[in-house]
Structures are given as C-alpha cells and as structure tokens.
Amino acid sequence: MTSQLTRGARPSRRADAARNRAQILAAAEQLFCDQDPRTVTMDAIAKAAGVGRATLYRRFPDPASIAVALLDEHERILQGQLAYGPPPLGPGAPPAERMEAFYEAATGLLERHLPLALGAEAGRARFTGSAYGHWRAHVRALLAEAGTEDPEACADILLSPLAPEVYQHQRHTLGLSRRRIGDALGRLARRVLGGPEIG
C-alpha cells in the first residue's frame, strides 16, 4: 500500500514542480518587460509567481538565470534553423548571404525579446552563455569558409553589434529602426565576407 501511495505521489510532485516553473517563468518574463530587467529582484519574482522564496531558489539562483532559461527557449529555435533550416539562414548559401540572414534573425530575436536579453546577458555573462558560444562558432565557420583573414579575431567583432546593450542604444536611444540597423549589418556582412554590394 505504501509503495503504491509513493508511486502515486511522484507524478503529482512532478506536476507541481512543472506548474511552479511555468508560473515563475511567466511572472519573470512579465516583470522583465515591465521594468529595467537589471532591477528585477527574486522577491518580486516570487511574489508575482505566487510561490515561496524557497521554491524559487531551489530552481534558480538569481534573476539572470531565469532570464537565461526564458531566452534559451527562443535561441534554441534559431540554433536549429542555422543547422537544419533552408538557406540562406541554413546551409547551402554563400557565407556573406548566411551572415546577412543570421544578422536579420538575431536582430529579430532582440527586437522581440530585448528585455530578456538585457536581463540574461549583462556584461561578461554574455560571453559565458551557451548561445554566444554557438553564434561564435557559426560566425567563425562562415568567416573561414569565405577565406577571411584571422576568423578567430573577426568572429567576436562581427558579433559585437548584437550585444543587447548596443541594440537597445541604437533602437531606443538613437531611435534607429530595426530595418536601418539590419541594412547596416547586411552591408557589414557583405564587405567582410566578400558578398556583392547592394545599392
């Protein structure tokens, strides 16, 4: 009888944990969108999610880790498109076209999820995240395929315009449109990786 009760309790505990996680992520995403993500506290997240502090800390050590969990879900989709999607974002197009398509997709991600990116990728944390490593490997491979000199050094330079703080400054301080930013990045991609100039 005891073993049956124990077995029956496990799915319930898993369901509770999944529900709590979903509540935490939903509440945190709303807070990140409503205020400066860097000012969101664990207390505010716990209160908004309707969970205890102990429950929150069992799953996440700080607000940045919650932002990372949210952003990871969106970034995994883009990673799949880079590896298996149709060209030019996926394999099969010239390096400059693929880089331009990557810039377009990455700025789209920033446009939709900038508060999460600001909360997850502040300062040095940007370089230690799995997404940055994936983007860097992708860009470095495109540079090498294009025969660009020193792709190791150039990869980070080409990724620097995608830092969330840079995108925020361009969009919300300077007031540049996403299209204008994207066009400039497209020109950069073609000049560095040897694609044809447009216009």
N, C-alpha and C. Protein backbone atom coordinates (compact mmCIF):
# COMPACT_ATOMS: atom_id res chain seq x y z
N MET A 1 0.84 -1.20 0.00
CA MET A 1 0.00 0.00 0.00
C MET A 1 0.88 1.25 0.00
N THR A 2 1.95 1.27 0.85
CA THR A 2 2.82 2.45 0.94
C THR A 2 3.51 2.73 -0.38
N SER A 3 4.01 1.64 -1.04
CA SER A 3 4.72 1.84 -2.30
C SER A 3 3.78 2.39 -3.37
N GLN A 4 2.50 1.96 -3.35
CA GLN A 4 1.54 2.48 -4.31
C GLN A 4 1.30 3.97 -4.07
N LEU A 5 1.19 4.38 -2.80
CA LEU A 5 0.99 5.79 -2.48
C LEU A 5 2.20 6.62 -2.90
N THR A 6 3.40 6.05 -2.66
CA THR A 6 4.62 6.76 -3.03
C THR A 6 4.70 6.95 -4.53
N ARG A 7 4.38 5.85 -5.27
CA ARG A 7 4.42 5.95 -6.73
C ARG A 7 3.40 6.97 -7.22
N GLY A 8 2.25 7.02 -6.57
CA GLY A 8 1.21 7.96 -6.98
C GLY A 8 1.57 9.39 -6.67
N ALA A 9 2.39 9.58 -5.64
CA ALA A 9 2.76 10.94 -5.25
C ALA A 9 3.79 11.55 -6.19
N ARG A 10 4.63 10.68 -6.81
CA ARG A 10 5.71 11.21 -7.66
C ARG A 10 5.19 12.03 -8.84
N PRO A 11 4.20 11.51 -9.60
CA PRO A 11 3.69 12.33 -10.71
C PRO A 11 3.11 13.65 -10.23
N SER A 12 2.47 13.63 -9.04
CA SER A 12 1.89 14.85 -8.51
C SER A 12 2.98 15.87 -8.19
N ARG A 13 4.08 15.40 -7.58
CA ARG A 13 5.19 16.30 -7.27
C ARG A 13 5.81 16.86 -8.55
N ARG A 14 5.94 16.00 -9.58
CA ARG A 14 6.49 16.46 -10.85
C ARG A 14 5.56 17.50 -11.48
N ALA A 15 4.26 17.25 -11.39
CA ALA A 15 3.29 18.20 -11.94
C ALA A 15 3.36 19.53 -11.20
N ASP A 16 3.49 19.46 -9.87
CA ASP A 16 3.62 20.69 -9.08
C ASP A 16 4.87 21.46 -9.46
N ALA A 17 5.97 20.72 -9.62
CA ALA A 17 7.24 21.37 -9.98
C ALA A 17 7.14 22.02 -11.35
N ALA A 18 6.53 21.32 -12.30
CA ALA A 18 6.37 21.88 -13.65
C ALA A 18 5.48 23.12 -13.62
N ARG A 19 4.40 23.06 -12.83
CA ARG A 19 3.49 24.19 -12.72
C ARG A 19 4.20 25.39 -12.08
N ASN A 20 4.96 25.13 -11.01
CA ASN A 20 5.70 26.21 -10.36
C ASN A 20 6.71 26.85 -11.31
N ARG A 21 7.41 26.02 -12.07
CA ARG A 21 8.39 26.54 -13.02
C ARG A 21 7.72 27.42 -14.07
N ALA A 22 6.59 26.94 -14.58
CA ALA A 22 5.87 27.72 -15.59
C ALA A 22 5.40 29.06 -15.01
N GLN A 23 4.91 29.04 -13.77
CA GLN A 23 4.47 30.27 -13.13
C GLN A 23 5.63 31.23 -12.93
N ILE A 24 6.76 30.70 -12.51
CA ILE A 24 7.95 31.53 -12.28
C ILE A 24 8.40 32.18 -13.59
N LEU A 25 8.48 31.38 -14.65
CA LEU A 25 8.96 31.91 -15.93
C LEU A 25 8.00 32.96 -16.49
N ALA A 26 6.70 32.69 -16.38
CA ALA A 26 5.71 33.64 -16.90
C ALA A 26 5.76 34.95 -16.12
N ALA A 27 5.84 34.85 -14.79
CA ALA A 27 5.87 36.05 -13.97
C ALA A 27 7.15 36.85 -14.21
N ALA A 28 8.27 36.15 -14.32
CA ALA A 28 9.55 36.84 -14.54
C ALA A 28 9.56 37.52 -15.90
N GLU A 29 9.05 36.85 -16.92
CA GLU A 29 9.04 37.47 -18.26
C GLU A 29 8.23 38.76 -18.25
N GLN A 30 7.11 38.75 -17.55
CA GLN A 30 6.29 39.96 -17.46
C GLN A 30 7.03 41.08 -16.73
N LEU A 31 7.70 40.72 -15.63
CA LEU A 31 8.47 41.73 -14.89
C LEU A 31 9.61 42.29 -15.72
N PHE A 32 10.30 41.42 -16.46
CA PHE A 32 11.40 41.87 -17.31
C PHE A 32 10.91 42.85 -18.38
N CYS A 33 9.67 42.63 -18.85
CA CYS A 33 9.11 43.52 -19.87
C CYS A 33 8.60 44.83 -19.28
N ASP A 34 8.16 44.79 -18.02
CA ASP A 34 7.54 45.96 -17.39
C ASP A 34 8.54 46.96 -16.81
N GLN A 35 9.77 46.52 -16.54
CA GLN A 35 10.76 47.41 -15.93
C GLN A 35 12.14 47.05 -16.41
N ASP A 36 13.12 47.83 -16.03
CA ASP A 36 14.50 47.52 -16.38
C ASP A 36 14.83 46.13 -15.84
N PRO A 37 15.16 45.17 -16.71
CA PRO A 37 15.40 43.80 -16.26
C PRO A 37 16.48 43.70 -15.17
N ARG A 38 17.40 44.62 -15.19
CA ARG A 38 18.50 44.57 -14.21
C ARG A 38 18.07 44.98 -12.82
N THR A 39 16.83 45.50 -12.69
CA THR A 39 16.32 45.89 -11.37
C THR A 39 15.33 44.88 -10.79
N VAL A 40 15.03 43.83 -11.55
CA VAL A 40 14.09 42.81 -11.07
C VAL A 40 14.74 41.97 -9.97
N THR A 41 14.03 41.78 -8.87
CA THR A 41 14.58 41.02 -7.74
C THR A 41 13.90 39.66 -7.61
N MET A 42 14.55 38.78 -6.91
CA MET A 42 13.98 37.46 -6.65
C MET A 42 12.70 37.58 -5.82
N ASP A 43 12.67 38.51 -4.87
CA ASP A 43 11.46 38.72 -4.07
C ASP A 43 10.28 39.10 -4.96
N ALA A 44 10.52 40.00 -5.91
CA ALA A 44 9.45 40.43 -6.80
C ALA A 44 8.96 39.28 -7.67
N ILE A 45 9.88 38.45 -8.13
CA ILE A 45 9.50 37.30 -8.96
C ILE A 45 8.68 36.30 -8.16
N ALA A 46 9.13 35.99 -6.94
CA ALA A 46 8.40 35.05 -6.09
C ALA A 46 6.98 35.55 -5.82
N LYS A 47 6.86 36.82 -5.51
CA LYS A 47 5.55 37.40 -5.23
C LYS A 47 4.65 37.35 -6.46
N ALA A 48 5.18 37.74 -7.61
CA ALA A 48 4.38 37.76 -8.84
C ALA A 48 3.98 36.34 -9.27
N ALA A 49 4.86 35.37 -9.00
CA ALA A 49 4.58 33.99 -9.39
C ALA A 49 3.69 33.27 -8.39
N GLY A 50 3.55 33.83 -7.19
CA GLY A 50 2.74 33.18 -6.17
C GLY A 50 3.40 31.95 -5.59
N VAL A 51 4.75 31.98 -5.51
CA VAL A 51 5.49 30.86 -4.92
C VAL A 51 6.37 31.39 -3.80
N GLY A 52 6.78 30.50 -2.91
CA GLY A 52 7.66 30.87 -1.82
C GLY A 52 9.09 31.10 -2.29
N ARG A 53 9.84 31.86 -1.52
CA ARG A 53 11.24 32.11 -1.87
C ARG A 53 12.04 30.81 -1.96
N ALA A 54 11.76 29.87 -1.05
CA ALA A 54 12.50 28.61 -1.07
C ALA A 54 12.23 27.86 -2.37
N THR A 55 10.98 27.86 -2.81
CA THR A 55 10.63 27.20 -4.08
C THR A 55 11.38 27.85 -5.24
N LEU A 56 11.43 29.17 -5.24
CA LEU A 56 12.12 29.89 -6.31
C LEU A 56 13.60 29.59 -6.31
N TYR A 57 14.24 29.65 -5.13
CA TYR A 57 15.68 29.45 -5.05
C TYR A 57 16.09 28.01 -5.31
N ARG A 58 15.18 27.06 -5.13
CA ARG A 58 15.51 25.67 -5.47
C ARG A 58 15.71 25.51 -6.96
N ARG A 59 15.10 26.37 -7.74
CA ARG A 59 15.16 26.23 -9.20
C ARG A 59 16.13 27.20 -9.85
N PHE A 60 16.23 28.41 -9.30
CA PHE A 60 17.05 29.45 -9.92
C PHE A 60 17.81 30.22 -8.85
N PRO A 61 19.11 30.49 -9.06
CA PRO A 61 19.88 31.21 -8.05
C PRO A 61 19.68 32.72 -8.07
N ASP A 62 19.27 33.27 -9.23
CA ASP A 62 19.15 34.72 -9.35
C ASP A 62 18.28 35.07 -10.55
N PRO A 63 17.88 36.35 -10.68
CA PRO A 63 17.03 36.74 -11.81
C PRO A 63 17.67 36.48 -13.17
N ALA A 64 18.99 36.67 -13.26
CA ALA A 64 19.66 36.44 -14.55
C ALA A 64 19.48 35.00 -15.02
N SER A 65 19.52 34.04 -14.11
CA SER A 65 19.37 32.64 -14.50
C SER A 65 17.96 32.37 -15.02
N ILE A 66 16.98 33.09 -14.51
CA ILE A 66 15.61 32.95 -15.01
C ILE A 66 15.51 33.54 -16.41
N ALA A 67 16.13 34.69 -16.60
CA ALA A 67 16.14 35.30 -17.94
C ALA A 67 16.83 34.38 -18.94
N VAL A 68 17.92 33.74 -18.51
CA VAL A 68 18.63 32.81 -19.38
C VAL A 68 17.72 31.65 -19.78
N ALA A 69 16.98 31.10 -18.82
CA ALA A 69 16.08 29.98 -19.11
C ALA A 69 15.02 30.39 -20.13
N LEU A 70 14.49 31.59 -20.01
CA LEU A 70 13.49 32.08 -20.95
C LEU A 70 14.11 32.30 -22.33
N LEU A 71 15.26 32.95 -22.35
CA LEU A 71 15.91 33.26 -23.62
C LEU A 71 16.38 32.00 -24.33
N ASP A 72 16.82 31.01 -23.55
CA ASP A 72 17.29 29.75 -24.14
C ASP A 72 16.25 29.11 -25.04
N GLU A 73 14.99 29.17 -24.61
CA GLU A 73 13.93 28.54 -25.39
C GLU A 73 13.82 29.18 -26.77
N HIS A 74 13.95 30.51 -26.83
CA HIS A 74 13.87 31.22 -28.10
C HIS A 74 15.13 31.00 -28.93
N GLU A 75 16.28 30.96 -28.28
CA GLU A 75 17.54 30.82 -29.01
C GLU A 75 17.72 29.42 -29.59
N ARG A 76 17.16 28.42 -28.92
CA ARG A 76 17.25 27.05 -29.46
C ARG A 76 16.58 26.94 -30.82
N ILE A 77 15.50 27.66 -31.01
CA ILE A 77 14.81 27.64 -32.30
C ILE A 77 15.73 28.17 -33.40
N LEU A 78 16.40 29.29 -33.11
CA LEU A 78 17.32 29.86 -34.09
C LEU A 78 18.50 28.93 -34.34
N GLN A 79 19.01 28.29 -33.31
CA GLN A 79 20.12 27.34 -33.49
C GLN A 79 19.72 26.22 -34.43
N GLY A 80 18.50 25.73 -34.30
CA GLY A 80 18.02 24.68 -35.19
C GLY A 80 17.92 25.16 -36.63
N GLN A 81 17.48 26.40 -36.82
CA GLN A 81 17.37 26.95 -38.17
C GLN A 81 18.74 27.13 -38.81
N LEU A 82 19.74 27.52 -38.03
CA LEU A 82 21.09 27.68 -38.56
C LEU A 82 21.66 26.33 -39.02
N ALA A 83 21.36 25.29 -38.26
CA ALA A 83 21.93 23.98 -38.56
C ALA A 83 21.14 23.21 -39.62
N TYR A 84 19.81 23.33 -39.61
CA TYR A 84 18.99 22.45 -40.45
C TYR A 84 17.97 23.18 -41.33
N GLY A 85 17.86 24.50 -41.16
CA GLY A 85 16.85 25.24 -41.91
C GLY A 85 17.24 25.46 -43.35
N PRO A 86 16.33 26.00 -44.14
CA PRO A 86 16.63 26.28 -45.55
C PRO A 86 17.58 27.48 -45.67
N PRO A 87 18.33 27.55 -46.77
CA PRO A 87 19.18 28.71 -46.98
C PRO A 87 18.33 29.96 -47.26
N PRO A 88 18.83 31.14 -47.01
CA PRO A 88 20.24 31.42 -46.66
C PRO A 88 20.57 31.32 -45.17
N LEU A 89 19.56 31.21 -44.30
CA LEU A 89 19.87 31.09 -42.87
C LEU A 89 20.53 29.76 -42.59
N GLY A 90 20.00 28.71 -43.18
CA GLY A 90 20.57 27.38 -43.03
C GLY A 90 21.64 27.11 -44.08
N PRO A 91 22.21 25.90 -44.08
CA PRO A 91 23.30 25.56 -45.02
C PRO A 91 22.86 25.66 -46.48
N GLY A 92 23.85 25.97 -47.33
CA GLY A 92 23.58 25.94 -48.77
C GLY A 92 23.73 27.27 -49.48
N ALA A 93 23.91 28.35 -48.74
CA ALA A 93 24.08 29.67 -49.34
C ALA A 93 25.53 30.13 -49.13
N PRO A 94 25.98 31.10 -49.92
CA PRO A 94 27.33 31.66 -49.72
C PRO A 94 27.47 32.28 -48.32
N PRO A 95 28.69 32.31 -47.79
CA PRO A 95 28.89 32.81 -46.42
C PRO A 95 28.33 34.20 -46.16
N ALA A 96 28.50 35.14 -47.09
CA ALA A 96 28.02 36.51 -46.86
C ALA A 96 26.50 36.53 -46.74
N GLU A 97 25.82 35.74 -47.57
CA GLU A 97 24.36 35.67 -47.51
C GLU A 97 23.89 35.04 -46.21
N ARG A 98 24.61 34.02 -45.76
CA ARG A 98 24.25 33.36 -44.50
C ARG A 98 24.49 34.31 -43.32
N MET A 99 25.57 35.08 -43.38
CA MET A 99 25.84 36.04 -42.30
C MET A 99 24.77 37.11 -42.27
N GLU A 100 24.38 37.59 -43.43
CA GLU A 100 23.34 38.61 -43.50
C GLU A 100 22.02 38.06 -42.96
N ALA A 101 21.70 36.81 -43.30
CA ALA A 101 20.47 36.18 -42.80
C ALA A 101 20.54 35.97 -41.29
N PHE A 102 21.73 35.64 -40.79
CA PHE A 102 21.90 35.48 -39.35
C PHE A 102 21.68 36.81 -38.63
N TYR A 103 22.24 37.87 -39.16
CA TYR A 103 22.01 39.20 -38.58
C TYR A 103 20.51 39.52 -38.55
N GLU A 104 19.83 39.22 -39.63
CA GLU A 104 18.40 39.50 -39.69
C GLU A 104 17.63 38.72 -38.63
N ALA A 105 17.96 37.43 -38.48
CA ALA A 105 17.29 36.59 -37.49
C ALA A 105 17.64 37.03 -36.07
N ALA A 106 18.91 37.36 -35.84
CA ALA A 106 19.35 37.73 -34.50
C ALA A 106 18.75 39.06 -34.06
N THR A 107 18.66 40.03 -34.98
CA THR A 107 18.03 41.30 -34.61
C THR A 107 16.53 41.11 -34.40
N GLY A 108 15.94 40.16 -35.12
CA GLY A 108 14.53 39.85 -34.87
C GLY A 108 14.33 39.30 -33.47
N LEU A 109 15.25 38.44 -33.05
CA LEU A 109 15.20 37.89 -31.69
C LEU A 109 15.35 39.01 -30.66
N LEU A 110 16.28 39.91 -30.89
CA LEU A 110 16.47 41.03 -29.96
C LEU A 110 15.25 41.94 -29.95
N GLU A 111 14.68 42.18 -31.10
CA GLU A 111 13.51 43.05 -31.18
C GLU A 111 12.35 42.50 -30.35
N ARG A 112 12.15 41.19 -30.42
CA ARG A 112 11.04 40.56 -29.70
C ARG A 112 11.34 40.33 -28.23
N HIS A 113 12.61 40.09 -27.91
CA HIS A 113 12.93 39.64 -26.55
C HIS A 113 14.07 40.46 -25.92
N LEU A 114 14.14 41.74 -26.24
CA LEU A 114 15.23 42.57 -25.71
C LEU A 114 15.27 42.60 -24.18
N PRO A 115 14.13 42.73 -23.48
CA PRO A 115 14.22 42.73 -22.01
C PRO A 115 14.84 41.45 -21.46
N LEU A 116 14.54 40.31 -22.06
CA LEU A 116 15.15 39.06 -21.61
C LEU A 116 16.64 39.06 -21.87
N ALA A 117 17.03 39.52 -23.07
CA ALA A 117 18.45 39.54 -23.41
C ALA A 117 19.21 40.47 -22.47
N LEU A 118 18.64 41.61 -22.13
CA LEU A 118 19.30 42.53 -21.20
C LEU A 118 19.43 41.90 -19.82
N GLY A 119 18.41 41.14 -19.40
CA GLY A 119 18.45 40.50 -18.10
C GLY A 119 19.38 39.31 -18.05
N ALA A 120 19.55 38.64 -19.19
CA ALA A 120 20.33 37.40 -19.21
C ALA A 120 21.78 37.60 -19.59
N GLU A 121 22.07 38.64 -20.37
CA GLU A 121 23.39 38.73 -20.99
C GLU A 121 24.13 40.00 -20.61
N ALA A 122 23.96 40.45 -19.39
CA ALA A 122 24.63 41.68 -18.95
C ALA A 122 26.12 41.43 -18.77
N GLY A 123 26.91 42.35 -19.30
CA GLY A 123 28.36 42.30 -19.08
C GLY A 123 28.99 41.00 -19.53
N ARG A 124 29.85 40.46 -18.68
CA ARG A 124 30.61 39.26 -19.03
C ARG A 124 29.73 38.03 -19.20
N ALA A 125 28.54 38.05 -18.61
CA ALA A 125 27.66 36.88 -18.71
C ALA A 125 27.33 36.54 -20.16
N ARG A 126 27.36 37.55 -21.02
CA ARG A 126 27.05 37.30 -22.42
C ARG A 126 28.01 36.29 -23.03
N PHE A 127 29.28 36.35 -22.65
CA PHE A 127 30.29 35.53 -23.28
C PHE A 127 30.35 34.11 -22.71
N THR A 128 29.74 33.89 -21.56
CA THR A 128 29.77 32.56 -20.95
C THR A 128 28.52 31.75 -21.26
N GLY A 129 27.52 32.37 -21.86
CA GLY A 129 26.29 31.65 -22.18
C GLY A 129 26.47 30.71 -23.36
N SER A 130 25.65 29.68 -23.40
CA SER A 130 25.77 28.69 -24.48
C SER A 130 25.43 29.30 -25.84
N ALA A 131 24.51 30.25 -25.86
CA ALA A 131 24.12 30.85 -27.14
C ALA A 131 25.29 31.58 -27.78
N TYR A 132 26.03 32.36 -26.99
CA TYR A 132 27.14 33.10 -27.56
C TYR A 132 28.17 32.15 -28.16
N GLY A 133 28.44 31.06 -27.46
CA GLY A 133 29.38 30.08 -28.00
C GLY A 133 28.89 29.50 -29.32
N HIS A 134 27.59 29.26 -29.41
CA HIS A 134 27.03 28.73 -30.64
C HIS A 134 27.11 29.76 -31.77
N TRP A 135 26.71 31.01 -31.47
CA TRP A 135 26.78 32.05 -32.50
C TRP A 135 28.22 32.26 -32.96
N ARG A 136 29.15 32.24 -31.99
CA ARG A 136 30.55 32.48 -32.34
C ARG A 136 31.08 31.39 -33.26
N ALA A 137 30.77 30.15 -32.96
CA ALA A 137 31.22 29.04 -33.80
C ALA A 137 30.63 29.16 -35.21
N HIS A 138 29.37 29.56 -35.29
CA HIS A 138 28.71 29.72 -36.58
C HIS A 138 29.40 30.82 -37.39
N VAL A 139 29.60 31.98 -36.78
CA VAL A 139 30.21 33.11 -37.50
C VAL A 139 31.65 32.79 -37.88
N ARG A 140 32.38 32.15 -36.98
CA ARG A 140 33.77 31.80 -37.29
C ARG A 140 33.83 30.85 -38.49
N ALA A 141 32.91 29.89 -38.55
CA ALA A 141 32.88 28.95 -39.67
C ALA A 141 32.58 29.67 -40.98
N LEU A 142 31.67 30.64 -40.94
CA LEU A 142 31.36 31.40 -42.15
C LEU A 142 32.57 32.22 -42.60
N LEU A 143 33.27 32.83 -41.64
CA LEU A 143 34.47 33.60 -41.97
C LEU A 143 35.54 32.71 -42.59
N ALA A 144 35.74 31.52 -42.02
CA ALA A 144 36.73 30.59 -42.55
C ALA A 144 36.34 30.14 -43.95
N GLU A 145 35.07 29.83 -44.15
CA GLU A 145 34.61 29.40 -45.48
C GLU A 145 34.82 30.50 -46.52
N ALA A 146 34.65 31.75 -46.11
CA ALA A 146 34.82 32.87 -47.03
C ALA A 146 36.29 33.22 -47.27
N GLY A 147 37.19 32.58 -46.53
CA GLY A 147 38.61 32.86 -46.68
C GLY A 147 39.04 34.16 -46.04
N THR A 148 38.26 34.64 -45.05
CA THR A 148 38.58 35.88 -44.36
C THR A 148 39.83 35.70 -43.50
N GLU A 149 40.68 36.69 -43.49
CA GLU A 149 41.90 36.62 -42.69
C GLU A 149 41.55 36.66 -41.20
N ASP A 150 42.14 35.76 -40.44
CA ASP A 150 42.01 35.67 -38.98
C ASP A 150 40.54 35.60 -38.51
N PRO A 151 39.83 34.55 -38.88
CA PRO A 151 38.44 34.41 -38.45
C PRO A 151 38.28 34.34 -36.93
N GLU A 152 39.31 33.89 -36.23
CA GLU A 152 39.23 33.80 -34.77
C GLU A 152 39.03 35.17 -34.15
N ALA A 153 39.77 36.15 -34.63
CA ALA A 153 39.66 37.51 -34.10
C ALA A 153 38.42 38.21 -34.64
N CYS A 154 38.06 37.93 -35.89
CA CYS A 154 36.94 38.64 -36.52
C CYS A 154 35.58 38.20 -35.98
N ALA A 155 35.48 36.97 -35.49
CA ALA A 155 34.17 36.45 -35.07
C ALA A 155 33.53 37.32 -34.00
N ASP A 156 34.29 37.67 -32.97
CA ASP A 156 33.73 38.49 -31.90
C ASP A 156 33.40 39.90 -32.37
N ILE A 157 34.21 40.41 -33.30
CA ILE A 157 33.96 41.75 -33.83
C ILE A 157 32.62 41.77 -34.57
N LEU A 158 32.35 40.75 -35.35
CA LEU A 158 31.09 40.70 -36.09
C LEU A 158 29.89 40.44 -35.18
N LEU A 159 30.13 39.84 -34.03
CA LEU A 159 29.03 39.61 -33.08
C LEU A 159 28.77 40.81 -32.18
N SER A 160 29.72 41.71 -32.06
CA SER A 160 29.58 42.82 -31.12
C SER A 160 28.36 43.71 -31.38
N PRO A 161 27.90 43.92 -32.64
CA PRO A 161 26.69 44.73 -32.82
C PRO A 161 25.43 44.08 -32.26
N LEU A 162 25.50 42.78 -31.96
CA LEU A 162 24.33 42.07 -31.43
C LEU A 162 24.29 42.05 -29.91
N ALA A 163 25.22 42.74 -29.25
CA ALA A 163 25.14 42.86 -27.79
C ALA A 163 23.83 43.57 -27.45
N PRO A 164 23.07 43.05 -26.48
CA PRO A 164 21.77 43.67 -26.17
C PRO A 164 21.86 45.15 -25.85
N GLU A 165 22.93 45.57 -25.15
CA GLU A 165 23.07 46.98 -24.80
C GLU A 165 23.27 47.85 -26.05
N VAL A 166 23.98 47.31 -27.03
CA VAL A 166 24.20 48.05 -28.28
C VAL A 166 22.87 48.19 -29.03
N TYR A 167 22.14 47.08 -29.11
CA TYR A 167 20.86 47.12 -29.83
C TYR A 167 19.88 48.06 -29.13
N GLN A 168 19.86 48.02 -27.81
CA GLN A 168 18.98 48.92 -27.05
C GLN A 168 19.36 50.39 -27.31
N HIS A 169 20.65 50.68 -27.32
CA HIS A 169 21.10 52.04 -27.55
C HIS A 169 20.68 52.52 -28.95
N GLN A 170 20.88 51.66 -29.95
CA GLN A 170 20.53 52.07 -31.31
C GLN A 170 19.03 52.25 -31.49
N ARG A 171 18.26 51.32 -30.95
CA ARG A 171 16.80 51.35 -31.15
C ARG A 171 16.13 52.41 -30.29
N HIS A 172 16.51 52.48 -29.01
CA HIS A 172 15.72 53.27 -28.07
C HIS A 172 16.37 54.59 -27.63
N THR A 173 17.69 54.70 -27.79
CA THR A 173 18.33 55.97 -27.51
C THR A 173 18.49 56.79 -28.79
N LEU A 174 19.04 56.16 -29.84
CA LEU A 174 19.22 56.86 -31.10
C LEU A 174 17.95 56.86 -31.95
N GLY A 175 17.04 55.93 -31.67
CA GLY A 175 15.79 55.89 -32.42
C GLY A 175 15.90 55.30 -33.81
N LEU A 176 16.93 54.48 -34.06
CA LEU A 176 17.07 53.85 -35.36
C LEU A 176 16.04 52.73 -35.51
N SER A 177 15.54 52.56 -36.72
CA SER A 177 14.60 51.47 -36.96
C SER A 177 15.34 50.15 -37.04
N ARG A 178 14.62 49.07 -36.80
CA ARG A 178 15.24 47.75 -36.94
C ARG A 178 15.72 47.55 -38.38
N ARG A 179 14.97 48.03 -39.35
CA ARG A 179 15.37 47.86 -40.75
C ARG A 179 16.68 48.59 -41.04
N ARG A 180 16.82 49.80 -40.50
CA ARG A 180 18.05 50.55 -40.73
C ARG A 180 19.25 49.84 -40.12
N ILE A 181 19.07 49.33 -38.92
CA ILE A 181 20.14 48.56 -38.28
C ILE A 181 20.46 47.32 -39.10
N GLY A 182 19.41 46.61 -39.54
CA GLY A 182 19.60 45.41 -40.33
C GLY A 182 20.31 45.68 -41.65
N ASP A 183 19.96 46.78 -42.31
CA ASP A 183 20.61 47.13 -43.57
C ASP A 183 22.11 47.39 -43.35
N ALA A 184 22.42 48.10 -42.26
CA ALA A 184 23.83 48.37 -41.96
C ALA A 184 24.60 47.08 -41.68
N LEU A 185 23.98 46.16 -40.95
CA LEU A 185 24.62 44.88 -40.66
C LEU A 185 24.78 44.05 -41.92
N GLY A 186 23.80 44.14 -42.82
CA GLY A 186 23.92 43.44 -44.10
C GLY A 186 25.10 43.93 -44.91
N ARG A 187 25.30 45.26 -44.92
CA ARG A 187 26.46 45.81 -45.64
C ARG A 187 27.76 45.34 -45.00
N LEU A 188 27.78 45.31 -43.67
CA LEU A 188 28.96 44.83 -42.96
C LEU A 188 29.26 43.38 -43.35
N ALA A 189 28.23 42.55 -43.36
CA ALA A 189 28.41 41.14 -43.71
C ALA A 189 28.99 40.99 -45.12
N ARG A 190 28.45 41.74 -46.06
CA ARG A 190 28.91 41.61 -47.44
C ARG A 190 30.34 42.12 -47.62
N ARG A 191 30.70 43.19 -46.90
CA ARG A 191 32.05 43.73 -47.02
C ARG A 191 33.10 42.82 -46.40
N VAL A 192 32.77 42.24 -45.26
CA VAL A 192 33.75 41.40 -44.57
C VAL A 192 33.85 40.01 -45.21
N LEU A 193 32.72 39.45 -45.63
CA LEU A 193 32.74 38.10 -46.15
C LEU A 193 32.70 38.04 -47.68
N GLY A 194 32.80 39.20 -48.34
CA GLY A 194 33.02 39.20 -49.78
C GLY A 194 31.80 39.04 -50.64
N GLY A 195 30.61 39.35 -50.12
CA GLY A 195 29.41 39.27 -50.94
C GLY A 195 29.27 40.50 -51.83
N PRO A 196 28.35 40.47 -52.80
CA PRO A 196 28.16 41.62 -53.68
C PRO A 196 27.53 42.79 -52.93
N GLU A 197 28.00 44.00 -53.22
CA GLU A 197 27.40 45.20 -52.64
C GLU A 197 26.06 45.47 -53.30
N ILE A 198 25.09 45.91 -52.50
CA ILE A 198 23.75 46.21 -53.00
C ILE A 198 23.50 47.69 -52.82
N GLY A 199 23.00 48.32 -53.90
CA GLY A 199 22.68 49.74 -53.84
C GLY A 199 23.93 50.58 -53.71
